[in-house]
Protein backbone atom coordinates (compact mmCIF):
# COMPACT_ATOMS: atom_id res chain seq x y z
CA MET A 1 27.48 143.18 161.57
CA THR A 2 27.36 139.37 161.96
CA SER A 3 26.52 136.87 159.30
CA HIS A 4 23.05 136.62 160.74
CA ASP A 5 22.60 140.31 160.29
CA GLN A 6 23.60 140.25 156.68
CA GLY A 7 20.52 138.23 155.70
CA PRO A 8 19.80 136.46 152.50
CA ASP A 9 22.07 138.64 150.36
CA ALA A 10 25.17 137.38 152.15
CA ASN A 11 24.21 133.75 151.51
CA ALA A 12 23.65 134.49 147.85
CA GLU A 13 27.12 136.01 147.56
CA GLU A 14 28.69 132.99 149.26
CA VAL A 15 26.91 130.56 146.87
CA ALA A 16 27.89 132.71 143.89
CA SER A 17 31.56 132.64 144.95
CA GLN A 18 31.48 128.83 145.15
CA ALA A 19 29.75 128.39 141.75
CA PRO A 20 32.68 129.69 139.62
CA ALA A 21 35.06 127.28 141.38
CA GLU A 22 32.79 124.30 140.68
CA ALA A 23 32.33 125.41 137.07
CA GLU A 24 36.09 125.60 136.59
CA THR A 25 36.45 122.04 137.97
CA GLU A 26 33.78 120.69 135.55
CA THR A 27 35.41 122.51 132.62
CA ALA A 28 38.79 121.01 133.52
CA ALA A 29 37.25 117.49 133.64
CA GLU A 30 35.64 118.02 130.23
CA ASP A 31 38.98 119.15 128.82
CA VAL A 32 40.67 115.95 130.09
CA ILE A 33 37.95 113.75 128.56
CA THR A 34 38.17 115.64 125.26
CA GLU A 35 41.95 115.27 125.20
CA ASP A 36 41.66 111.52 125.86
CA VAL A 37 39.15 111.05 123.03
CA THR A 38 41.24 113.19 120.69
CA SER A 39 44.42 111.29 121.55
CA ALA A 40 42.62 107.96 120.90
CA GLU A 41 41.45 109.17 117.50
CA ALA A 42 44.74 110.80 116.61
CA PRO A 43 46.58 107.71 115.30
CA ALA A 44 43.70 106.81 112.99
CA THR A 45 43.56 110.29 111.51
CA GLU A 46 47.30 110.81 111.49
CA ASP A 47 48.21 107.85 109.19
CA PRO A 48 45.38 106.85 106.83
CA VAL A 49 47.86 104.91 104.67
CA ALA A 50 48.64 102.53 107.56
CA VAL A 51 44.93 102.06 108.21
CA ALA A 52 44.30 101.39 104.52
CA ARG A 53 47.17 98.87 104.41
CA ALA A 54 45.82 97.05 107.46
CA GLU A 55 42.34 96.87 105.91
CA LEU A 56 43.85 95.70 102.60
CA ALA A 57 45.79 92.93 104.36
CA GLU A 58 42.64 91.82 106.18
CA ARG A 59 40.57 91.78 102.97
CA THR A 60 43.35 89.90 101.16
CA LEU A 61 43.39 87.19 103.84
CA ASP A 62 39.59 86.90 103.62
CA LEU A 63 39.81 86.57 99.84
CA GLN A 64 42.56 83.94 100.04
CA ARG A 65 40.56 81.93 102.57
CA LEU A 66 37.44 82.08 100.38
CA GLN A 67 39.43 81.07 97.32
CA ALA A 68 40.95 78.08 99.15
CA GLU A 69 37.49 77.03 100.36
CA TYR A 70 36.15 77.28 96.79
CA VAL A 71 39.03 75.21 95.37
CA ASN A 72 38.48 72.51 98.03
CA TYR A 73 34.73 72.54 97.37
CA LYS A 74 35.31 72.22 93.61
CA ARG A 75 37.70 69.28 94.10
CA ARG A 76 35.23 67.55 96.40
CA VAL A 77 32.36 68.05 93.91
CA ASP A 78 34.49 66.76 91.01
CA ARG A 79 35.59 63.72 93.05
CA ASP A 80 31.99 62.98 94.08
CA ARG A 81 30.79 63.39 90.49
CA ASP A 82 33.44 60.95 89.23
CA LEU A 83 32.55 58.47 91.98
CA VAL A 84 28.82 58.68 91.16
CA ARG A 85 29.54 58.17 87.45
CA GLU A 86 31.80 55.19 88.16
CA ASN A 87 29.23 53.63 90.50
CA ALA A 88 26.52 54.08 87.86
CA GLN A 89 28.74 52.41 85.25
CA VAL A 90 29.52 49.52 87.58
CA THR A 91 25.82 49.04 88.33
CA VAL A 92 24.80 48.97 84.66
CA LEU A 93 27.73 46.85 83.51
CA SER A 94 27.27 44.39 86.39
CA ALA A 95 23.73 43.77 85.17
CA LEU A 96 25.14 42.98 81.70
CA LEU A 97 27.71 40.42 82.92
CA PRO A 98 25.34 37.41 82.61
CA VAL A 99 24.67 38.42 78.99
CA LEU A 100 28.42 38.64 78.33
CA ASP A 101 28.83 35.18 79.92
CA ASP A 102 26.16 33.79 77.57
CA ILE A 103 27.98 35.33 74.60
CA ASP A 104 31.24 33.71 75.76
CA ARG A 105 29.56 30.28 76.03
CA ALA A 106 27.98 30.70 72.59
CA ARG A 107 31.40 31.62 71.16
CA GLU A 108 33.00 28.53 72.78
CA HIS A 109 30.36 26.23 71.23
CA GLY A 110 30.56 27.82 67.78
CA GLU A 111 27.03 29.21 67.95
CA LEU A 112 28.06 32.84 67.50
CA GLU A 113 27.24 33.34 63.79
CA GLY A 114 25.37 35.68 61.47
CA GLY A 115 23.31 38.49 62.92
CA PHE A 116 23.82 37.27 66.47
CA LYS A 117 27.60 37.66 66.03
CA ALA A 118 27.14 41.26 64.85
CA VAL A 119 24.98 42.05 67.90
CA ALA A 120 27.50 40.38 70.24
CA ASP A 121 30.40 42.29 68.69
CA SER A 122 28.46 45.55 68.94
CA LEU A 123 27.64 44.91 72.61
CA MET A 124 31.27 44.07 73.38
CA GLY A 125 32.33 47.32 71.67
CA VAL A 126 29.92 49.34 73.82
CA VAL A 127 30.99 47.81 77.14
CA THR A 128 34.66 48.11 76.20
CA GLY A 129 34.05 51.76 75.34
CA LEU A 130 32.64 52.25 78.84
CA GLY A 131 35.90 50.94 80.29
CA LEU A 132 34.95 47.32 81.04
CA VAL A 133 37.99 45.06 80.62
CA ARG A 134 37.81 41.27 80.56
CA PHE A 135 40.58 39.34 82.32
CA GLY A 136 41.44 35.78 83.25
CA GLU A 137 43.37 33.48 80.93
CA SER A 138 44.63 29.98 81.45
CA GLY A 139 48.28 30.19 82.55
CA ASP A 140 47.96 33.53 84.40
CA GLU A 141 49.65 33.71 87.77
CA PHE A 142 47.03 33.40 90.50
CA ASP A 143 46.22 36.72 92.18
CA PRO A 144 43.67 36.56 95.03
CA ASN A 145 42.70 40.17 94.30
CA LEU A 146 41.64 39.21 90.76
CA HIS A 147 40.83 35.50 90.92
CA GLU A 148 38.49 33.34 92.95
CA ALA A 149 39.83 29.79 93.30
CA LEU A 150 37.15 27.11 92.93
CA MET A 151 39.44 24.06 92.92
CA HIS A 152 43.03 23.51 93.94
CA GLY A 153 45.58 20.97 92.74
CA HIS A 154 49.27 20.33 91.98
CA SER A 155 51.18 20.10 88.73
CA PRO A 156 54.82 19.42 87.83
CA HIS A 157 54.48 21.81 84.88
CA VAL A 158 54.22 25.04 86.90
CA THR A 159 56.70 26.90 89.08
CA THR A 160 54.23 29.22 90.80
CA THR A 161 50.54 29.15 91.73
CA THR A 162 48.82 29.32 88.36
CA CYS A 163 45.29 29.57 86.95
CA GLN A 164 44.64 26.34 85.06
CA ASP A 165 41.06 26.65 83.80
CA ILE A 166 38.91 29.77 83.60
CA VAL A 167 35.40 28.80 84.69
CA GLN A 168 34.06 32.35 84.47
CA ALA A 169 35.90 35.41 83.14
CA GLY A 170 36.56 38.37 85.41
CA TYR A 171 35.87 42.02 84.60
CA ARG A 172 37.22 45.32 85.88
CA ILE A 173 36.86 49.03 85.22
CA GLY A 174 40.22 50.72 85.61
CA GLU A 175 41.67 49.34 88.85
CA ARG A 176 38.26 48.44 90.29
CA VAL A 177 37.34 44.76 90.03
CA VAL A 178 33.69 44.40 89.05
CA ARG A 179 33.79 40.61 89.26
CA ALA A 180 36.69 38.30 90.10
CA ALA A 181 37.51 35.56 87.62
CA LYS A 182 36.48 32.10 88.81
CA VAL A 183 39.34 29.70 88.18
CA THR A 184 40.85 26.35 89.03
CA VAL A 185 44.33 26.68 90.50
CA VAL A 186 47.42 24.48 90.43
CA ASP A 187 50.51 24.74 92.63
CA PRO A 188 53.96 23.32 91.90
CA GLU A 189 54.50 19.76 93.13
CA PRO A 190 55.56 19.81 96.81
CA GLY A 191 59.02 18.26 96.10
CA ALA A 192 59.70 20.09 92.83
CA ASN A 193 61.54 23.05 94.40
CA ALA A 194 63.76 20.77 96.50
CA THR A 195 64.86 18.72 93.46
CA ASP A 196 65.45 21.85 91.32
CA SER A 197 67.87 23.30 93.87
């Protein structure tokens, strides 16, 4: 009997014999995939302490970074706040400088008496309390950072460039000059150093 004579039953048997072989191949492939997935997950499930330590280290670094950012932010805010306060003080005190100049002129002419003297002293106490410091005295060494020279001359009585007359007092807050002192300046006589040596 040839394969043609066997009919449809023979074909069915041939297909059935091939099906188990294909099924075994698919099962083997699934087993390989499952083993790969299991082997990839194995380290994570084998040592939870190592995983926890790694996560702890990562969270610690995040926390340290956030803390450093906060400290830098706080410093910047404090610095900006101090700068704003200092600028506000300079603005207010600069507006009061003409009044302080008038008080100085009144004091020089002996007109600072009675109630006006009490008001002037009170005002000077307030501005001094805010950090305003008056500078510029006759005989001070000339400093271009603190003094503005209005006139220049020579004198045999000085050994260095010196403030002779204070035309207008200078004021500063801390190291910041609010207004330079306006002064007349004298230098030593040109030949004085040669004769001294």
